[in-house]
């Protein structure tokens, strides 16, 4: 066990546990567990320069800040998770009237989504504790990430996915060699079945918002934003980070990353975090807008499958990510999400619906005055549009079919 990782603290009751006392959630109230690190020890053994001078272009450049030891596995996709590009598209800045705007493209991950970060850390953890099988519930991306990372190191894995998941995502699961079972029900049904199976068979459960190591992988996005933007740009105002929200684990993970940096004294100013949800899956936004941390289940209907969740499993921490950073939650329609796919596409970024949700949220925030063109903003595109081609095609007109002749071409151009 790495000495950096000293235990857990419940996000609800505040009770602390040793590294070996619990595995998933607080036994007393079911609250999500925050991983506790030895910050003083990290500061003594690591500096900002140690991080920024690293030649490792993956999440493992942040190994001193992670609760796992080096997993090894050089030359495999497990070593490729993270360090995705952050773009500053001038055309989008001009169109939206913004002075400082960045887009972080998680579609460039090894399995084409943000979820590689969490799965890489969970697989590393599974190897440390000698887990024979890792299991997860997923609408596609988390499962694909787990399957890809597991395949890279020969780890057995089982994926439960709703049968409605996009075919491209199911194809990834199968090609990576995972044992896949499609559930005739919702993501939430698959989630509950996964927990029951892990308890019955002793499988190590990766479930988002259940396994505390998932947020530890996702926090690495905050570290990269810090390195790629905050350490190199002159910002007069706090950076506003816009991220789509489903289960709540990505936004809470990003918040945890910034809090880690603040605790180490490496972050000058806490960014404002904005969670964007579809009106068709708004359980966390509903709680935030009602001024409460009580998360009530909804019947999710959004086409953005990656954020379609009835009962978010990391809702409380997700609400706090906005309230504790002077951020907010913003609701958008599925039509606005589809338009966001086309808008990002025009600057060379191919986003799935969950990824374009952040763009839709930015447009809404500008329209309502929640931010202005003077506020620096970073959008998270959480996954590639290749994950859901059917939705991508809804954002554009179909290509015309013409005969292979100049006459046909000219006739079309003359229309």
Protein backbone atom coordinates (compact mmCIF):
# COMPACT_ATOMS: atom_id res chain seq x y z
CA UNK A 1 0.00 0.00 0.00
CA UNK A 2 1.33 3.42 -0.96
CA UNK A 3 2.06 5.67 2.02
CA UNK A 4 0.49 8.67 0.26
CA UNK A 5 -2.94 7.10 0.78
CA UNK A 6 -3.79 7.33 4.48
CA UNK A 7 -7.51 6.56 4.54
CA UNK A 8 -11.01 7.72 3.74
CA UNK A 9 -13.49 10.29 5.03
CA UNK A 10 -17.24 10.05 4.55
CA UNK A 11 -18.63 12.99 2.59
CA UNK A 12 -21.84 12.94 4.67
CA UNK A 13 -21.04 12.20 8.30
CA UNK A 14 -17.33 13.03 8.23
CA UNK A 15 -16.28 9.75 9.83
CA UNK A 16 -12.74 8.65 8.98
CA UNK A 17 -11.58 5.16 8.10
CA UNK A 18 -8.22 3.49 7.60
CA UNK A 19 -7.23 2.21 4.15
CA UNK A 20 -8.15 -1.38 5.05
CA UNK A 21 -11.37 -0.68 7.00
CA UNK A 22 -13.72 -0.04 4.07
CA UNK A 23 -13.77 -0.51 0.32
CA UNK A 24 -16.66 1.38 -1.24
CA UNK A 25 -19.03 3.64 0.74
CA UNK A 26 -19.52 4.63 4.37
CA UNK A 27 -20.95 1.65 6.32
CA UNK A 28 -22.95 4.00 8.55
CA UNK A 29 -24.86 6.12 6.05
CA UNK A 30 -23.83 5.00 2.55
CA UNK A 31 -22.08 8.31 1.87
CA UNK A 32 -19.42 8.57 -0.81
CA UNK A 33 -15.91 8.27 0.58
CA UNK A 34 -13.24 10.88 -0.09
CA UNK A 35 -9.73 9.47 -0.40
CA UNK A 36 -7.44 11.15 2.14
CA UNK A 37 -3.83 11.80 1.16
CA UNK A 38 -0.80 12.70 3.25
CA UNK A 39 -0.49 16.25 1.95
CA UNK A 40 2.40 17.19 4.22
CA UNK A 41 4.34 14.15 3.10
CA UNK A 42 3.61 14.91 -0.54
CA UNK A 43 4.84 18.50 -0.13
CA UNK A 44 8.08 17.26 1.41
CA UNK A 45 8.75 14.80 -1.40
CA UNK A 46 7.33 16.57 -4.46
CA UNK A 47 7.32 20.09 -5.91
CA UNK A 48 5.48 21.83 -8.72
CA UNK A 49 8.66 21.61 -10.78
CA UNK A 50 8.77 17.83 -10.31
CA UNK A 51 5.35 17.64 -11.92
CA UNK A 52 5.78 20.18 -14.71
CA UNK A 53 9.18 18.81 -15.75
CA UNK A 54 7.87 15.26 -16.12
CA UNK A 55 8.24 13.73 -19.57
CA UNK A 56 5.33 11.36 -18.92
CA UNK A 57 2.36 12.41 -21.07
CA UNK A 58 -0.38 10.59 -19.16
CA UNK A 59 -2.13 10.68 -15.80
CA UNK A 60 0.89 8.92 -14.34
CA UNK A 61 2.87 12.18 -14.39
CA UNK A 62 0.74 12.89 -11.29
CA UNK A 63 1.69 9.67 -9.53
CA UNK A 64 2.88 11.58 -6.41
CA UNK A 65 -0.72 12.85 -6.03
CA UNK A 66 -2.50 9.55 -6.66
CA UNK A 67 -3.46 6.91 -4.04
CA UNK A 68 -1.88 4.05 -5.98
CA UNK A 69 1.65 2.98 -6.73
CA UNK A 70 3.16 2.92 -10.20
CA UNK A 71 1.29 0.16 -12.07
CA UNK A 72 4.15 -0.43 -14.50
CA UNK A 73 2.65 -1.84 -17.71
CA UNK A 74 4.81 0.32 -19.97
CA UNK A 75 3.92 0.12 -23.63
CA UNK A 76 0.22 -0.50 -22.96
CA UNK A 77 -2.90 1.72 -23.19
CA UNK A 78 -2.98 1.78 -19.38
CA UNK A 79 0.00 4.14 -19.59
CA UNK A 80 -1.74 6.33 -22.18
CA UNK A 81 -4.73 7.54 -20.17
CA UNK A 82 -4.91 11.29 -19.79
CA UNK A 83 -2.89 14.33 -20.90
CA UNK A 84 -5.49 15.20 -23.50
CA UNK A 85 -5.14 18.37 -25.59
CA UNK A 86 -6.64 21.69 -24.58
CA UNK A 87 -7.54 23.89 -27.55
CA UNK A 88 -8.21 27.63 -27.79
CA UNK A 89 -10.39 27.84 -30.94
CA UNK A 90 -10.33 31.46 -32.20
CA UNK A 91 -13.46 31.04 -34.34
CA UNK A 92 -15.50 29.87 -31.35
CA UNK A 93 -14.17 32.70 -29.20
CA UNK A 94 -15.20 35.21 -31.85
CA UNK A 95 -18.64 33.69 -32.42
CA UNK A 96 -19.46 33.66 -28.70
CA UNK A 97 -17.81 37.01 -27.99
CA UNK A 98 -15.35 35.57 -25.48
CA UNK A 99 -11.83 36.74 -24.77
CA UNK A 100 -10.56 33.50 -23.24
CA UNK A 101 -12.10 30.14 -24.10
CA UNK A 102 -10.61 26.67 -24.12
CA UNK A 103 -11.94 23.21 -24.95
CA UNK A 104 -10.38 20.12 -23.38
CA UNK A 105 -10.94 17.18 -25.71
CA UNK A 106 -11.35 13.88 -23.87
CA UNK A 107 -12.31 12.22 -27.13
CA UNK A 108 -8.57 11.82 -27.63
CA UNK A 109 -8.30 9.24 -24.84
CA UNK A 110 -7.25 5.65 -25.61
CA UNK A 111 -10.89 4.45 -25.62
CA UNK A 112 -12.20 7.89 -26.64
CA UNK A 113 -13.78 9.14 -23.40
CA UNK A 114 -13.03 10.79 -20.07
CA UNK A 115 -13.68 7.47 -18.31
CA UNK A 116 -10.18 6.16 -19.16
CA UNK A 117 -8.85 8.22 -16.26
CA UNK A 118 -10.97 6.45 -13.65
CA UNK A 119 -10.58 3.00 -15.17
CA UNK A 120 -6.80 3.26 -15.33
CA UNK A 121 -6.60 4.08 -11.61
CA UNK A 122 -9.17 1.44 -10.65
CA UNK A 123 -7.32 -1.24 -12.63
CA UNK A 124 -4.08 -0.18 -10.93
CA UNK A 125 -5.83 -0.51 -7.58
CA UNK A 126 -7.29 -3.89 -8.54
CA UNK A 127 -3.80 -5.18 -9.29
CA UNK A 128 -2.54 -3.91 -5.93
CA UNK A 129 -5.24 -5.74 -3.96
CA UNK A 130 -5.08 -8.87 -6.12
CA UNK A 131 -8.63 -8.65 -7.49
CA UNK A 132 -9.39 -11.50 -9.87
CA UNK A 133 -12.34 -9.81 -11.59
CA UNK A 134 -13.35 -6.15 -11.95
CA UNK A 135 -17.01 -5.43 -12.68
CA UNK A 136 -18.91 -2.28 -13.57
CA UNK A 137 -22.23 -0.96 -14.78
CA UNK A 138 -22.07 1.41 -17.70
CA UNK A 139 -24.05 3.06 -20.49
CA UNK A 140 -20.96 2.40 -22.57
CA UNK A 141 -18.05 4.72 -21.87
CA UNK A 142 -17.08 3.56 -18.39
CA UNK A 143 -17.37 -0.04 -19.53
CA UNK A 144 -15.32 0.58 -22.67
CA UNK A 145 -12.65 2.28 -20.59
CA UNK A 146 -12.55 -0.58 -18.08
CA UNK A 147 -12.52 -3.16 -20.87
CA UNK A 148 -9.70 -1.40 -22.69
CA UNK A 149 -7.55 -0.87 -19.61
CA UNK A 150 -8.20 -4.43 -18.45
CA UNK A 151 -7.31 -5.87 -21.85
CA UNK A 152 -4.05 -3.94 -21.76
CA UNK A 153 -2.88 -5.78 -18.64
CA UNK A 154 -4.78 -9.09 -18.83
CA UNK A 155 -7.28 -8.24 -16.10
CA UNK A 156 -10.60 -10.13 -16.16
CA UNK A 157 -13.60 -7.82 -16.33
CA UNK A 158 -17.39 -8.03 -16.49
CA UNK A 159 -19.62 -5.27 -17.87
CA UNK A 160 -23.36 -4.80 -17.32
CA UNK A 161 -24.86 -2.31 -19.79
CA UNK A 162 -28.45 -1.39 -20.61
CA UNK A 163 -29.50 -2.94 -23.92
CA UNK A 164 -30.30 0.60 -25.17
CA UNK A 165 -26.61 1.64 -25.10
CA UNK A 166 -25.28 2.88 -28.49
CA UNK A 167 -23.99 0.02 -30.66
CA UNK A 168 -20.55 1.63 -31.09
CA UNK A 169 -20.01 1.49 -27.35
CA UNK A 170 -21.15 -2.12 -27.09
CA UNK A 171 -18.79 -2.96 -29.96
CA UNK A 172 -15.88 -1.56 -27.96
CA UNK A 173 -16.75 -3.73 -24.97
CA UNK A 174 -16.88 -6.88 -27.06
CA UNK A 175 -13.78 -6.17 -29.12
CA UNK A 176 -11.76 -5.51 -25.96
CA UNK A 177 -12.74 -9.00 -24.80
CA UNK A 178 -14.87 -8.10 -21.80
CA UNK A 179 -17.60 -10.43 -20.58
CA UNK A 180 -20.61 -8.32 -21.51
CA UNK A 181 -24.20 -8.71 -20.36
CA UNK A 182 -26.89 -6.39 -21.69
CA UNK A 183 -29.55 -5.62 -19.11
CA UNK A 184 -33.18 -5.34 -20.13
CA UNK A 185 -33.61 -2.17 -18.09
CA UNK A 186 -31.98 1.16 -17.24
CA UNK A 187 -28.46 2.08 -16.22
CA UNK A 188 -29.69 2.26 -12.64
CA UNK A 189 -30.94 -1.34 -12.88
CA UNK A 190 -27.52 -2.39 -14.18
CA UNK A 191 -25.83 -0.46 -11.37
CA UNK A 192 -27.80 -2.26 -8.66
CA UNK A 193 -27.21 -5.66 -10.28
CA UNK A 194 -23.49 -4.96 -10.40
CA UNK A 195 -23.32 -4.31 -6.67
CA UNK A 196 -25.27 -7.47 -5.92
CA UNK A 197 -22.96 -9.49 -8.16
CA UNK A 198 -19.82 -8.03 -6.62
CA UNK A 199 -21.06 -8.95 -3.15
CA UNK A 200 -22.09 -12.44 -4.21
CA UNK A 201 -18.97 -13.35 -6.22
CA UNK A 202 -16.28 -11.24 -4.57
CA UNK A 203 -15.68 -9.17 -7.71
CA UNK A 204 -14.02 -5.76 -7.34
CA UNK A 205 -16.66 -3.15 -8.26
CA UNK A 206 -15.60 -0.14 -10.33
CA UNK A 207 -19.02 1.53 -10.30
CA UNK A 208 -18.98 5.29 -10.71
CA UNK A 209 -19.96 7.10 -7.53
CA UNK A 210 -19.46 3.90 -5.52
CA UNK A 211 -15.76 3.05 -5.76
CA UNK A 212 -13.81 6.01 -4.26
CA UNK A 213 -10.87 5.43 -6.61
CA UNK A 214 -12.93 6.51 -9.63
CA UNK A 215 -12.92 10.15 -8.50
CA UNK A 216 -9.17 9.87 -7.89
CA UNK A 217 -8.69 9.04 -11.56
CA UNK A 218 -11.06 11.75 -12.72
CA UNK A 219 -9.36 14.42 -10.61
CA UNK A 220 -6.37 14.21 -12.94
CA UNK A 221 -8.34 16.35 -15.43
CA UNK A 222 -8.14 19.19 -12.89
CA UNK A 223 -4.37 18.69 -12.66
CA UNK A 224 -4.09 19.00 -16.44
CA UNK A 225 -6.26 22.13 -16.52
CA UNK A 226 -3.95 23.56 -13.87
CA UNK A 227 -0.85 22.77 -15.92
CA UNK A 228 -2.21 23.56 -19.39
CA UNK A 229 -4.12 26.74 -18.54
CA UNK A 230 -3.74 28.08 -15.01
CA UNK A 231 0.06 27.93 -14.86
CA UNK A 232 0.58 29.49 -18.28
CA UNK A 233 -2.24 32.02 -18.75
CA UNK A 234 -2.78 35.40 -17.11
CA UNK A 235 -6.32 35.30 -15.76
CA UNK A 236 -7.94 38.33 -14.14
CA UNK A 237 -10.96 36.29 -13.06
CA UNK A 238 -11.44 32.70 -11.84
CA UNK A 239 -11.50 30.11 -14.60
CA UNK A 240 -15.03 28.80 -15.21
CA UNK A 241 -15.01 25.05 -15.91
CA UNK A 242 -18.11 23.72 -17.70
CA UNK A 243 -18.73 19.99 -17.48
CA UNK A 244 -21.69 17.74 -18.24
CA UNK A 245 -23.14 15.83 -15.28
CA UNK A 246 -24.85 12.46 -15.01
CA UNK A 247 -23.91 10.38 -11.97
CA UNK A 248 -21.94 13.35 -10.63
CA UNK A 249 -18.58 11.60 -10.37
CA UNK A 250 -16.72 13.57 -13.06
CA UNK A 251 -17.61 16.95 -11.61
CA UNK A 252 -16.85 15.80 -8.05
CA UNK A 253 -13.57 14.30 -9.23
CA UNK A 254 -12.53 17.55 -10.91
CA UNK A 255 -13.47 19.42 -7.73
CA UNK A 256 -11.35 16.99 -5.68
CA UNK A 257 -8.39 17.62 -7.97
CA UNK A 258 -8.56 21.37 -7.49
CA UNK A 259 -8.98 20.89 -3.73
CA UNK A 260 -5.86 18.69 -3.66
CA UNK A 261 -3.89 21.41 -5.43
CA UNK A 262 -5.25 24.04 -3.04
CA UNK A 263 -4.31 21.89 -0.03
CA UNK A 264 -0.77 21.60 -1.38
CA UNK A 265 -0.54 25.37 -1.87
CA UNK A 266 -0.10 24.96 -5.62
CA UNK A 267 -3.36 26.60 -6.75
CA UNK A 268 -3.67 30.37 -6.49
CA UNK A 269 -7.38 30.69 -7.17
CA UNK A 270 -10.11 28.03 -7.09
CA UNK A 271 -11.92 27.76 -10.45
CA UNK A 272 -15.69 28.11 -10.60
CA UNK A 273 -17.28 24.80 -11.58
CA UNK A 274 -20.49 24.73 -13.64
CA UNK A 275 -22.43 21.48 -13.93
CA UNK A 276 -24.59 21.11 -17.02
CA UNK A 277 -27.47 18.66 -17.13
CA UNK A 278 -30.09 17.81 -19.71
CA UNK A 279 -33.64 18.70 -18.71
CA UNK A 280 -34.32 15.01 -19.31
CA UNK A 281 -31.91 13.91 -16.57
CA UNK A 282 -31.74 16.69 -14.02
CA UNK A 283 -31.70 15.13 -10.55
CA UNK A 284 -28.59 16.98 -9.37
CA UNK A 285 -29.52 20.30 -10.98
CA UNK A 286 -32.96 20.04 -9.37
CA UNK A 287 -31.36 19.70 -5.94
CA UNK A 288 -28.98 22.60 -6.55
CA UNK A 289 -31.75 24.88 -7.82
CA UNK A 290 -33.87 23.97 -4.79
CA UNK A 291 -31.01 24.89 -2.47
CA UNK A 292 -30.64 21.39 -1.05
CA UNK A 293 -28.32 18.39 -1.13
CA UNK A 294 -31.24 15.97 -1.10
CA UNK A 295 -31.10 14.11 -4.41
CA UNK A 296 -34.46 12.78 -5.65
CA UNK A 297 -34.64 10.25 -8.46
CA UNK A 298 -36.05 11.21 -11.85
CA UNK A 299 -37.08 9.19 -14.87
CA UNK A 300 -34.25 10.03 -17.26
CA UNK A 301 -35.18 10.53 -20.90
CA UNK A 302 -32.25 12.43 -22.43
CA UNK A 303 -30.65 11.20 -25.67
CA UNK A 304 -27.25 11.93 -24.10
CA UNK A 305 -26.84 8.36 -22.86
CA UNK A 306 -23.62 9.01 -20.95
CA UNK A 307 -25.42 11.39 -18.60
CA UNK A 308 -28.79 9.65 -18.55
CA UNK A 309 -29.25 8.66 -14.90
CA UNK A 310 -32.36 8.23 -12.77
CA UNK A 311 -30.64 8.35 -9.37
CA UNK A 312 -27.13 9.88 -9.36
CA UNK A 313 -24.77 7.98 -7.05
CA UNK A 314 -22.43 10.93 -6.39
CA UNK A 315 -25.05 13.65 -6.17
CA UNK A 316 -24.11 15.33 -2.89
CA UNK A 317 -20.48 15.88 -3.83
CA UNK A 318 -21.63 16.99 -7.30
CA UNK A 319 -23.85 19.70 -5.78
CA UNK A 320 -20.97 20.85 -3.60
CA UNK A 321 -18.67 21.14 -6.60
CA UNK A 322 -20.82 24.07 -7.71
CA UNK A 323 -21.85 25.56 -4.35
CA UNK A 324 -18.33 25.51 -2.86
CA UNK A 325 -16.72 27.15 -5.91
CA UNK A 326 -19.31 29.85 -6.67
CA UNK A 327 -20.32 27.90 -9.74
CA UNK A 328 -23.83 26.80 -10.72
CA UNK A 329 -25.97 24.18 -12.38
CA UNK A 330 -27.52 24.91 -15.75
CA UNK A 331 -30.25 22.97 -17.57
CA UNK A 332 -30.28 22.54 -21.35
CA UNK A 333 -32.58 20.78 -23.80
CA UNK A 334 -31.66 17.82 -25.97
CA UNK A 335 -32.10 20.07 -29.02
CA UNK A 336 -29.49 22.44 -27.61
CA UNK A 337 -27.19 19.49 -26.98
CA UNK A 338 -27.53 18.39 -30.62
CA UNK A 339 -26.76 21.92 -31.83
CA UNK A 340 -23.66 21.83 -29.64
CA UNK A 341 -22.34 18.83 -31.58
CA UNK A 342 -22.41 20.87 -34.79
CA UNK A 343 -20.90 23.93 -33.12
CA UNK A 344 -17.93 21.98 -31.76
CA UNK A 345 -17.59 20.19 -35.09
CA UNK A 346 -17.09 23.53 -36.86
CA UNK A 347 -13.83 24.02 -34.93
CA UNK A 348 -12.62 20.45 -35.48
CA UNK A 349 -13.84 18.78 -32.29
CA UNK A 350 -16.13 15.75 -32.67
CA UNK A 351 -18.23 15.40 -29.51
CA UNK A 352 -20.82 12.89 -28.41
CA UNK A 353 -24.00 14.36 -26.85
CA UNK A 354 -22.62 14.31 -23.30
CA UNK A 355 -19.57 16.19 -24.55
CA UNK A 356 -21.51 18.88 -26.38
CA UNK A 357 -23.69 19.41 -23.30
CA UNK A 358 -20.99 21.65 -21.81
CA UNK A 359 -21.09 23.88 -24.91
CA UNK A 360 -24.88 24.11 -24.69
CA UNK A 361 -24.49 25.13 -21.06
CA UNK A 362 -22.02 27.88 -21.96
CA UNK A 363 -24.41 29.31 -24.55
CA UNK A 364 -27.21 29.31 -21.97
CA UNK A 365 -24.95 30.91 -19.31
CA UNK A 366 -24.05 33.74 -21.71
CA UNK A 367 -27.70 34.27 -22.66
CA UNK A 368 -28.81 34.46 -19.01
CA UNK A 369 -25.90 36.59 -17.85
CA UNK A 370 -24.49 33.99 -15.46
CA UNK A 371 -21.15 34.68 -17.08
CA UNK A 372 -19.93 37.29 -19.56
CA UNK A 373 -17.48 37.38 -22.44
CA UNK A 374 -14.85 38.63 -19.99
CA UNK A 375 -14.95 35.42 -17.94
CA UNK A 376 -12.32 32.82 -18.86
CA UNK A 377 -14.03 29.51 -19.65
CA UNK A 378 -12.90 25.94 -20.23
CA UNK A 379 -15.31 23.40 -21.72
CA UNK A 380 -14.92 19.67 -21.15
CA UNK A 381 -15.73 17.49 -24.15
CA UNK A 382 -16.09 14.19 -22.32
CA UNK A 383 -16.23 11.81 -25.28
CA UNK A 384 -15.81 11.31 -29.02
CA UNK A 385 -18.71 11.67 -31.44
CA UNK A 386 -17.76 8.29 -32.87
CA UNK A 387 -19.34 6.83 -29.74
CA UNK A 388 -22.81 7.81 -30.97
CA UNK A 389 -22.91 8.42 -34.71
CA UNK A 390 -26.72 8.32 -34.77
CA UNK A 391 -26.92 11.42 -32.57
CA UNK A 392 -24.12 13.12 -34.51
CA UNK A 393 -26.10 12.75 -37.75
CA UNK A 394 -29.03 14.57 -36.14
CA UNK A 395 -26.87 17.70 -35.91
CA UNK A 396 -26.17 17.98 -39.64
CA UNK A 397 -27.86 17.64 -43.01
CA UNK A 398 -27.32 14.40 -44.86
CA UNK A 399 -24.81 14.51 -47.71
CA UNK A 400 -26.34 14.61 -51.20
CA UNK A 401 -25.94 11.71 -53.61
CA UNK A 402 -24.92 12.69 -57.14
CA UNK A 403 -23.94 10.84 -60.30
CA UNK A 404 -20.18 10.60 -60.97
CA UNK A 405 -20.05 13.31 -63.63
CA UNK A 406 -19.12 16.97 -63.91
CA UNK A 407 -22.57 17.70 -65.27
CA UNK A 408 -24.20 16.29 -62.14
CA UNK A 409 -21.77 18.17 -59.94
CA UNK A 410 -22.43 21.46 -61.74
CA UNK A 411 -26.16 20.92 -61.57
CA UNK A 412 -25.95 20.43 -57.82
CA UNK A 413 -23.72 23.49 -57.33
CA UNK A 414 -26.13 25.63 -59.38
CA UNK A 415 -29.05 24.88 -57.05
